[in-house]
Amino acid sequence: MSAILTYLPHLLQGLLVTLQVAAGSFVIGLLIAIVAVFGWNFGPRPLRWFISGYVTVVRGLPELLIIFLVFYGGTVLLSGAFGTYVEVNALTAGICALSVVAGAYLTEILRGALLTVPQGQWEAATSLGLSRMTAFRDVVLPQMLAYAVPGLGNQWLVILKESALVSIIGLEELMRKGVIAAGATHSPMTFYLTVGALYVAITGVSTLIIGAADRRAARGR
C-alpha cells in the first residue's frame, strides 16, 4: 500500500498525459473527419480518391506502425529539411499519429451519420440560397454530429486505450508510469491493477458523459 501511495502522484501525472494525448488526438481527428466527409461528398473526383485511399490505408495499418512512421519519419524529414539532427517530440508524434488514425475511423462514422440526415434539410437550405459549404456548416453538420454521438463516444474510448501505445516511443503516459513503478518496486501486479483501475475510472466517467450527450442529442433528433 505504501508503494502505491509513493508512486500515485507519478501515476496521476501519467494519467494527465494520457488524457492530453487522447483529447488532442480526438479533436484533431474529428476536424480531419469533418473536412474529409465534406470533400468526399462534394469535392472533385481526385480529392475523393485521395480521401478514400487515406481511409482505406490507415484502417489497414496497425496503429503501432503509424506511430513509428510519424515519430521516426518525422525525425528524418525534419533533419533533412534543417540539415541537422532534429528529433520529433514524443508527445507531438503521439498526438499526430493517433490523430491520423482517429481521422480515418471518424470519417467513416460521420459518413454514416450524414446519410441519416434527411435530404429535405439539404433542399431547405439550398432553397434559401445558402451555398453548399454554408448549408453543410450551419444546417447539416450540427445534425450529423448529433446522429454520430454514439459512434464518436465509442471512438473516444478506443483512442483513450490506444494512447498506451505511445509509451513505445518514450512518452511517460499512464501505462509507461505503471511499468516504471512496477520495475522499481518489483510489484508488477500491484501497479498493473492500479493502472487498470485508473483506466476503468476514466472510461466510466467518459461513458456517463457520452450517455448524457447522447440523451441530449436524442431530444434534438
C-alpha atoms as a PDB file:
ATOM      1  CA  MET A   1       0.000   0.000   0.000  1.00  0.00           C
ATOM      2  CA  SER A   2       2.841   2.358   0.851  1.00  0.00           C
ATOM      3  CA  ALA A   3       4.401   1.748  -2.567  1.00  0.00           C
ATOM      4  CA  ILE A   4       1.155   2.727  -4.278  1.00  0.00           C
ATOM      5  CA  LEU A   5       0.919   5.921  -2.221  1.00  0.00           C
ATOM      6  CA  THR A   6       4.526   6.724  -3.073  1.00  0.00           C
ATOM      7  CA  TYR A   7       4.038   6.325  -6.805  1.00  0.00           C
ATOM      8  CA  LEU A   8       0.432   7.552  -7.018  1.00  0.00           C
ATOM      9  CA  PRO A   9       1.447  11.160  -7.893  1.00  0.00           C
ATOM     10  CA  HIS A  10       3.547   9.789 -10.750  1.00  0.00           C
ATOM     11  CA  LEU A  11       0.650   7.653 -11.977  1.00  0.00           C
ATOM     12  CA  LEU A  12      -1.673  10.659 -11.861  1.00  0.00           C
ATOM     13  CA  GLN A  13       0.863  12.651 -13.875  1.00  0.00           C
ATOM     14  CA  GLY A  14       0.846   9.848 -16.410  1.00  0.00           C
ATOM     15  CA  LEU A  15      -2.951   9.906 -16.442  1.00  0.00           C
ATOM     16  CA  LEU A  16      -2.899  13.610 -17.303  1.00  0.00           C
ATOM     17  CA  VAL A  17      -0.551  12.903 -20.209  1.00  0.00           C
ATOM     18  CA  THR A  18      -2.856  10.085 -21.349  1.00  0.00           C
ATOM     19  CA  LEU A  19      -5.824  12.446 -21.325  1.00  0.00           C
ATOM     20  CA  GLN A  20      -3.792  15.071 -23.163  1.00  0.00           C
ATOM     21  CA  VAL A  21      -2.862  12.602 -25.906  1.00  0.00           C
ATOM     22  CA  ALA A  22      -6.385  11.218 -26.183  1.00  0.00           C
ATOM     23  CA  ALA A  23      -8.129  14.605 -26.186  1.00  0.00           C
ATOM     24  CA  GLY A  24      -5.697  16.139 -28.665  1.00  0.00           C
ATOM     25  CA  SER A  25      -5.938  13.150 -30.988  1.00  0.00           C
ATOM     26  CA  PHE A  26      -9.732  13.067 -30.815  1.00  0.00           C
ATOM     27  CA  VAL A  27     -10.209  16.782 -31.517  1.00  0.00           C
ATOM     28  CA  ILE A  28      -7.721  16.874 -34.388  1.00  0.00           C
ATOM     29  CA  GLY A  29      -9.072  13.590 -35.762  1.00  0.00           C
ATOM     30  CA  LEU A  30     -12.619  14.962 -35.649  1.00  0.00           C
ATOM     31  CA  LEU A  31     -11.563  18.076 -37.572  1.00  0.00           C
ATOM     32  CA  ILE A  32      -9.849  15.859 -40.156  1.00  0.00           C
ATOM     33  CA  ALA A  33     -13.002  13.753 -40.431  1.00  0.00           C
ATOM     34  CA  ILE A  34     -15.314  16.747 -40.898  1.00  0.00           C
ATOM     35  CA  VAL A  35     -13.152  18.110 -43.705  1.00  0.00           C
ATOM     36  CA  ALA A  36     -12.804  14.630 -45.214  1.00  0.00           C
ATOM     37  CA  VAL A  37     -16.560  13.979 -45.188  1.00  0.00           C
ATOM     38  CA  PHE A  38     -17.267  17.262 -46.938  1.00  0.00           C
ATOM     39  CA  GLY A  39     -14.536  16.616 -49.511  1.00  0.00           C
ATOM     40  CA  TRP A  40     -15.617  13.004 -50.020  1.00  0.00           C
ATOM     41  CA  ASN A  41     -19.189  14.007 -50.756  1.00  0.00           C
ATOM     42  CA  PHE A  42     -18.748  17.328 -52.568  1.00  0.00           C
ATOM     43  CA  GLY A  43     -15.141  17.566 -53.700  1.00  0.00           C
ATOM     44  CA  PRO A  44     -13.719  16.791 -57.144  1.00  0.00           C
ATOM     45  CA  ARG A  45     -13.083  13.172 -58.055  1.00  0.00           C
ATOM     46  CA  PRO A  46      -9.291  13.242 -57.403  1.00  0.00           C
ATOM     47  CA  LEU A  47      -9.941  14.549 -53.884  1.00  0.00           C
ATOM     48  CA  ARG A  48     -12.492  11.796 -53.289  1.00  0.00           C
ATOM     49  CA  TRP A  49      -9.972   9.195 -54.433  1.00  0.00           C
ATOM     50  CA  PHE A  50      -7.351  10.645 -52.098  1.00  0.00           C
ATOM     51  CA  ILE A  51      -9.697  10.625 -49.082  1.00  0.00           C
ATOM     52  CA  SER A  52     -10.893   7.118 -49.875  1.00  0.00           C
ATOM     53  CA  GLY A  53      -7.281   5.958 -50.140  1.00  0.00           C
ATOM     54  CA  TYR A  54      -6.382   7.651 -46.842  1.00  0.00           C
ATOM     55  CA  VAL A  55      -9.228   5.935 -45.003  1.00  0.00           C
ATOM     56  CA  THR A  56      -8.511   2.543 -46.567  1.00  0.00           C
ATOM     57  CA  VAL A  57      -4.754   2.619 -45.965  1.00  0.00           C
ATOM     58  CA  VAL A  58      -4.890   3.930 -42.399  1.00  0.00           C
ATOM     59  CA  ARG A  59      -7.576   1.463 -41.366  1.00  0.00           C
ATOM     60  CA  GLY A  60      -5.437  -1.331 -42.796  1.00  0.00           C
ATOM     61  CA  LEU A  61      -2.273  -0.470 -40.862  1.00  0.00           C
ATOM     62  CA  PRO A  62      -1.507  -1.275 -37.208  1.00  0.00           C
ATOM     63  CA  GLU A  63      -1.623   1.799 -35.001  1.00  0.00           C
ATOM     64  CA  LEU A  64       1.839   0.986 -33.655  1.00  0.00           C
ATOM     65  CA  LEU A  65       3.310   1.104 -37.164  1.00  0.00           C
ATOM     66  CA  ILE A  66       1.749   4.522 -37.783  1.00  0.00           C
ATOM     67  CA  ILE A  67       3.234   5.800 -34.521  1.00  0.00           C
ATOM     68  CA  PHE A  68       6.698   4.590 -35.600  1.00  0.00           C
ATOM     69  CA  LEU A  69       6.283   6.110 -39.063  1.00  0.00           C
ATOM     70  CA  VAL A  70       5.320   9.509 -37.656  1.00  0.00           C
ATOM     71  CA  PHE A  71       7.965   9.523 -34.927  1.00  0.00           C
ATOM     72  CA  TYR A  72      10.951   8.258 -36.899  1.00  0.00           C
ATOM     73  CA  GLY A  73       9.768   9.516 -40.275  1.00  0.00           C
ATOM     74  CA  GLY A  74       9.182  12.972 -38.851  1.00  0.00           C
ATOM     75  CA  THR A  75      12.692  12.979 -37.418  1.00  0.00           C
ATOM     76  CA  VAL A  76      14.167  12.017 -40.806  1.00  0.00           C
ATOM     77  CA  LEU A  77      12.147  14.672 -42.666  1.00  0.00           C
ATOM     78  CA  LEU A  78      12.930  17.482 -40.228  1.00  0.00           C
ATOM     79  CA  SER A  79      16.604  16.540 -40.023  1.00  0.00           C
ATOM     80  CA  GLY A  80      16.812  16.595 -43.812  1.00  0.00           C
ATOM     81  CA  ALA A  81      14.983  19.903 -44.036  1.00  0.00           C
ATOM     82  CA  PHE A  82      17.153  21.709 -41.455  1.00  0.00           C
ATOM     83  CA  GLY A  83      20.436  19.981 -42.259  1.00  0.00           C
ATOM     84  CA  THR A  84      20.944  18.860 -38.669  1.00  0.00           C
ATOM     85  CA  TYR A  85      19.518  16.203 -36.388  1.00  0.00           C
ATOM     86  CA  VAL A  86      16.044  17.144 -35.156  1.00  0.00           C
ATOM     87  CA  GLU A  87      14.137  14.680 -33.005  1.00  0.00           C
ATOM     88  CA  VAL A  88      10.369  14.848 -33.023  1.00  0.00           C
ATOM     89  CA  ASN A  89       8.849  15.345 -29.594  1.00  0.00           C
ATOM     90  CA  ALA A  90       7.216  12.115 -28.381  1.00  0.00           C
ATOM     91  CA  LEU A  91       4.034  13.885 -27.276  1.00  0.00           C
ATOM     92  CA  THR A  92       3.672  15.665 -30.610  1.00  0.00           C
ATOM     93  CA  ALA A  93       4.381  12.488 -32.560  1.00  0.00           C
ATOM     94  CA  GLY A  94       1.896  10.517 -30.484  1.00  0.00           C
ATOM     95  CA  ILE A  95      -0.895  13.031 -30.947  1.00  0.00           C
ATOM     96  CA  CYS A  96      -0.202  13.363 -34.675  1.00  0.00           C
ATOM     97  CA  ALA A  97      -0.108   9.599 -35.208  1.00  0.00           C
ATOM     98  CA  LEU A  98      -3.298   8.888 -33.279  1.00  0.00           C
ATOM     99  CA  SER A  99      -4.983  11.864 -34.956  1.00  0.00           C
ATOM    100  CA  VAL A 100      -4.299  10.294 -38.338  1.00  0.00           C
ATOM    101  CA  VAL A 101      -5.770   7.014 -37.110  1.00  0.00           C
ATOM    102  CA  ALA A 102      -8.757   8.664 -35.444  1.00  0.00           C
ATOM    103  CA  GLY A 103      -9.436  10.787 -38.525  1.00  0.00           C
ATOM    104  CA  ALA A 104      -9.853   7.685 -40.694  1.00  0.00           C
ATOM    105  CA  TYR A 105     -12.293   5.966 -38.347  1.00  0.00           C
ATOM    106  CA  LEU A 106     -14.191   9.138 -37.518  1.00  0.00           C
ATOM    107  CA  THR A 107     -14.602   9.827 -41.228  1.00  0.00           C
ATOM    108  CA  GLU A 108     -16.487   6.563 -41.599  1.00  0.00           C
ATOM    109  CA  ILE A 109     -18.603   7.351 -38.542  1.00  0.00           C
ATOM    110  CA  LEU A 110     -19.521  10.797 -39.843  1.00  0.00           C
ATOM    111  CA  ARG A 111     -20.253   9.474 -43.327  1.00  0.00           C
ATOM    112  CA  GLY A 112     -22.794   7.107 -41.847  1.00  0.00           C
ATOM    113  CA  ALA A 113     -24.303   9.898 -39.763  1.00  0.00           C
ATOM    114  CA  LEU A 114     -24.514  12.147 -42.815  1.00  0.00           C
ATOM    115  CA  LEU A 115     -26.662   9.584 -44.592  1.00  0.00           C
ATOM    116  CA  THR A 116     -29.089   9.750 -41.677  1.00  0.00           C
ATOM    117  CA  VAL A 117     -29.706  13.484 -42.079  1.00  0.00           C
ATOM    118  CA  PRO A 118     -32.974  13.879 -44.048  1.00  0.00           C
ATOM    119  CA  GLN A 119     -32.484  15.001 -47.631  1.00  0.00           C
ATOM    120  CA  GLY A 120     -35.105  17.680 -47.035  1.00  0.00           C
ATOM    121  CA  GLN A 121     -32.625  19.533 -44.831  1.00  0.00           C
ATOM    122  CA  TRP A 122     -30.311  19.976 -47.813  1.00  0.00           C
ATOM    123  CA  GLU A 123     -33.203  21.059 -50.024  1.00  0.00           C
ATOM    124  CA  ALA A 124     -34.486  23.559 -47.479  1.00  0.00           C
ATOM    125  CA  ALA A 125     -31.011  25.065 -47.022  1.00  0.00           C
ATOM    126  CA  THR A 126     -30.340  25.405 -50.730  1.00  0.00           C
ATOM    127  CA  SER A 127     -33.821  26.821 -51.366  1.00  0.00           C
ATOM    128  CA  LEU A 128     -32.896  29.664 -49.018  1.00  0.00           C
ATOM    129  CA  GLY A 129     -29.958  30.482 -51.251  1.00  0.00           C
ATOM    130  CA  LEU A 130     -27.253  29.060 -48.987  1.00  0.00           C
ATOM    131  CA  SER A 131     -24.090  27.822 -50.634  1.00  0.00           C
ATOM    132  CA  ARG A 132     -23.164  24.164 -50.308  1.00  0.00           C
ATOM    133  CA  MET A 133     -20.449  24.995 -47.794  1.00  0.00           C
ATOM    134  CA  THR A 134     -22.741  27.193 -45.694  1.00  0.00           C
ATOM    135  CA  ALA A 135     -25.559  24.655 -45.793  1.00  0.00           C
ATOM    136  CA  PHE A 136     -23.186  21.941 -44.653  1.00  0.00           C
ATOM    137  CA  ARG A 137     -21.672  24.042 -41.871  1.00  0.00           C
ATOM    138  CA  ASP A 138     -24.799  25.666 -40.456  1.00  0.00           C
ATOM    139  CA  VAL A 139     -27.581  23.176 -41.188  1.00  0.00           C
ATOM    140  CA  VAL A 140     -26.275  19.679 -41.844  1.00  0.00           C
ATOM    141  CA  LEU A 141     -23.144  19.494 -39.674  1.00  0.00           C
ATOM    142  CA  PRO A 142     -24.914  20.021 -36.300  1.00  0.00           C
ATOM    143  CA  GLN A 143     -27.462  17.330 -37.167  1.00  0.00           C
ATOM    144  CA  MET A 144     -24.765  14.981 -38.445  1.00  0.00           C
ATOM    145  CA  LEU A 145     -22.803  15.327 -35.218  1.00  0.00           C
ATOM    146  CA  ALA A 146     -25.960  14.698 -33.173  1.00  0.00           C
ATOM    147  CA  TYR A 147     -26.583  11.427 -35.006  1.00  0.00           C
ATOM    148  CA  ALA A 148     -22.915  10.491 -34.651  1.00  0.00           C
ATOM    149  CA  VAL A 149     -22.699  10.891 -30.853  1.00  0.00           C
ATOM    150  CA  PRO A 150     -22.736   7.132 -30.034  1.00  0.00           C
ATOM    151  CA  GLY A 151     -20.069   6.393 -32.638  1.00  0.00           C
ATOM    152  CA  LEU A 152     -17.976   9.383 -31.578  1.00  0.00           C
ATOM    153  CA  GLY A 153     -18.188   8.283 -27.965  1.00  0.00           C
ATOM    154  CA  ASN A 154     -17.083   4.781 -28.824  1.00  0.00           C
ATOM    155  CA  GLN A 155     -14.142   6.118 -30.820  1.00  0.00           C
ATOM    156  CA  TRP A 156     -13.134   8.341 -27.891  1.00  0.00           C
ATOM    157  CA  LEU A 157     -12.912   5.251 -25.675  1.00  0.00           C
ATOM    158  CA  VAL A 158     -10.838   3.481 -28.328  1.00  0.00           C
ATOM    159  CA  ILE A 159      -8.422   6.423 -28.580  1.00  0.00           C
ATOM    160  CA  LEU A 160      -8.180   6.589 -24.796  1.00  0.00           C
ATOM    161  CA  LYS A 161      -6.946   2.990 -24.695  1.00  0.00           C
ATOM    162  CA  GLU A 162      -4.770   3.326 -27.801  1.00  0.00           C
ATOM    163  CA  SER A 163      -2.870   6.157 -26.117  1.00  0.00           C
ATOM    164  CA  ALA A 164      -0.999   3.469 -24.175  1.00  0.00           C
ATOM    165  CA  LEU A 165       0.799   2.571 -27.429  1.00  0.00           C
ATOM    166  CA  VAL A 166       2.588   5.924 -27.390  1.00  0.00           C
ATOM    167  CA  SER A 167       4.692   4.691 -24.454  1.00  0.00           C
ATOM    168  CA  ILE A 168       6.704   2.689 -27.008  1.00  0.00           C
ATOM    169  CA  ILE A 169       8.374   5.921 -28.225  1.00  0.00           C
ATOM    170  CA  GLY A 170       9.262   7.043 -24.709  1.00  0.00           C
ATOM    171  CA  LEU A 171       6.276   9.146 -23.698  1.00  0.00           C
ATOM    172  CA  GLU A 172       5.629   8.674 -19.988  1.00  0.00           C
ATOM    173  CA  GLU A 173       1.857   8.378 -20.011  1.00  0.00           C
ATOM    174  CA  LEU A 174      -0.132   6.268 -17.570  1.00  0.00           C
ATOM    175  CA  MET A 175       0.935   2.856 -18.881  1.00  0.00           C
ATOM    176  CA  ARG A 176       4.600   3.835 -19.015  1.00  0.00           C
ATOM    177  CA  LYS A 177       4.465   5.236 -15.484  1.00  0.00           C
ATOM    178  CA  GLY A 178       2.938   1.976 -14.320  1.00  0.00           C
ATOM    179  CA  VAL A 179       5.713  -0.067 -15.962  1.00  0.00           C
ATOM    180  CA  ILE A 180       8.369   2.122 -14.329  1.00  0.00           C
ATOM    181  CA  ALA A 181       6.752   1.811 -10.898  1.00  0.00           C
ATOM    182  CA  ALA A 182       6.331  -1.956 -11.304  1.00  0.00           C
ATOM    183  CA  GLY A 183      10.006  -2.359 -12.216  1.00  0.00           C
ATOM    184  CA  ALA A 184      11.249  -0.157  -9.387  1.00  0.00           C
ATOM    185  CA  THR A 185       9.208  -1.910  -6.695  1.00  0.00           C
ATOM    186  CA  HIS A 186       9.210  -5.435  -8.170  1.00  0.00           C
ATOM    187  CA  SER A 187       5.424  -5.460  -7.656  1.00  0.00           C
ATOM    188  CA  PRO A 188       4.058  -5.734 -11.198  1.00  0.00           C
ATOM    189  CA  MET A 189       0.576  -6.979 -10.334  1.00  0.00           C
ATOM    190  CA  THR A 190       0.033  -4.230  -7.784  1.00  0.00           C
ATOM    191  CA  PHE A 191       0.775  -1.441 -10.205  1.00  0.00           C
ATOM    192  CA  TYR A 192      -0.765  -3.024 -13.287  1.00  0.00           C
ATOM    193  CA  LEU A 193      -4.007  -3.476 -11.362  1.00  0.00           C
ATOM    194  CA  THR A 194      -3.770   0.133 -10.171  1.00  0.00           C
ATOM    195  CA  VAL A 195      -3.235   1.331 -13.738  1.00  0.00           C
ATOM    196  CA  GLY A 196      -6.180  -0.803 -14.839  1.00  0.00           C
ATOM    197  CA  ALA A 197      -8.360   0.745 -12.124  1.00  0.00           C
ATOM    198  CA  LEU A 198      -7.436   4.257 -13.310  1.00  0.00           C
ATOM    199  CA  TYR A 199      -8.305   3.344 -16.902  1.00  0.00           C
ATOM    200  CA  VAL A 200     -11.635   1.879 -15.777  1.00  0.00           C
ATOM    201  CA  ALA A 201     -12.363   5.024 -13.742  1.00  0.00           C
ATOM    202  CA  ILE A 202     -11.728   7.399 -16.629  1.00  0.00           C
ATOM    203  CA  THR A 203     -13.630   5.249 -19.120  1.00  0.00           C
ATOM    204  CA  GLY A 204     -16.509   5.025 -16.634  1.00  0.00           C
ATOM    205  CA  VAL A 205     -16.682   8.804 -16.324  1.00  0.00           C
ATOM    206  CA  SER A 206     -16.416   9.098 -20.109  1.00  0.00           C
ATOM    207  CA  THR A 207     -19.288   6.633 -20.560  1.00  0.00           C
ATOM    208  CA  LEU A 208     -21.514   8.706 -18.262  1.00  0.00           C
ATOM    209  CA  ILE A 209     -20.694  11.881 -20.183  1.00  0.00           C
ATOM    210  CA  ILE A 210     -21.280  10.161 -23.535  1.00  0.00           C
ATOM    211  CA  GLY A 211     -24.628   8.840 -22.315  1.00  0.00           C
ATOM    212  CA  ALA A 212     -25.709  12.303 -21.199  1.00  0.00           C
ATOM    213  CA  ALA A 213     -24.601  13.796 -24.515  1.00  0.00           C
ATOM    214  CA  ASP A 214     -26.485  11.131 -26.447  1.00  0.00           C
ATOM    215  CA  ARG A 215     -29.688  11.750 -24.482  1.00  0.00           C
ATOM    216  CA  ARG A 216     -29.373  15.467 -25.129  1.00  0.00           C
ATOM    217  CA  ALA A 217     -28.729  14.874 -28.826  1.00  0.00           C
ATOM    218  CA  ALA A 218     -31.687  12.483 -28.982  1.00  0.00           C
ATOM    219  CA  ARG A 219     -34.025  15.264 -27.869  1.00  0.00           C
ATOM    220  CA  GLY A 220     -32.798  17.354 -30.784  1.00  0.00           C
ATOM    221  CA  ARG A 221     -33.213  14.441 -33.180  1.00  0.00           C
END
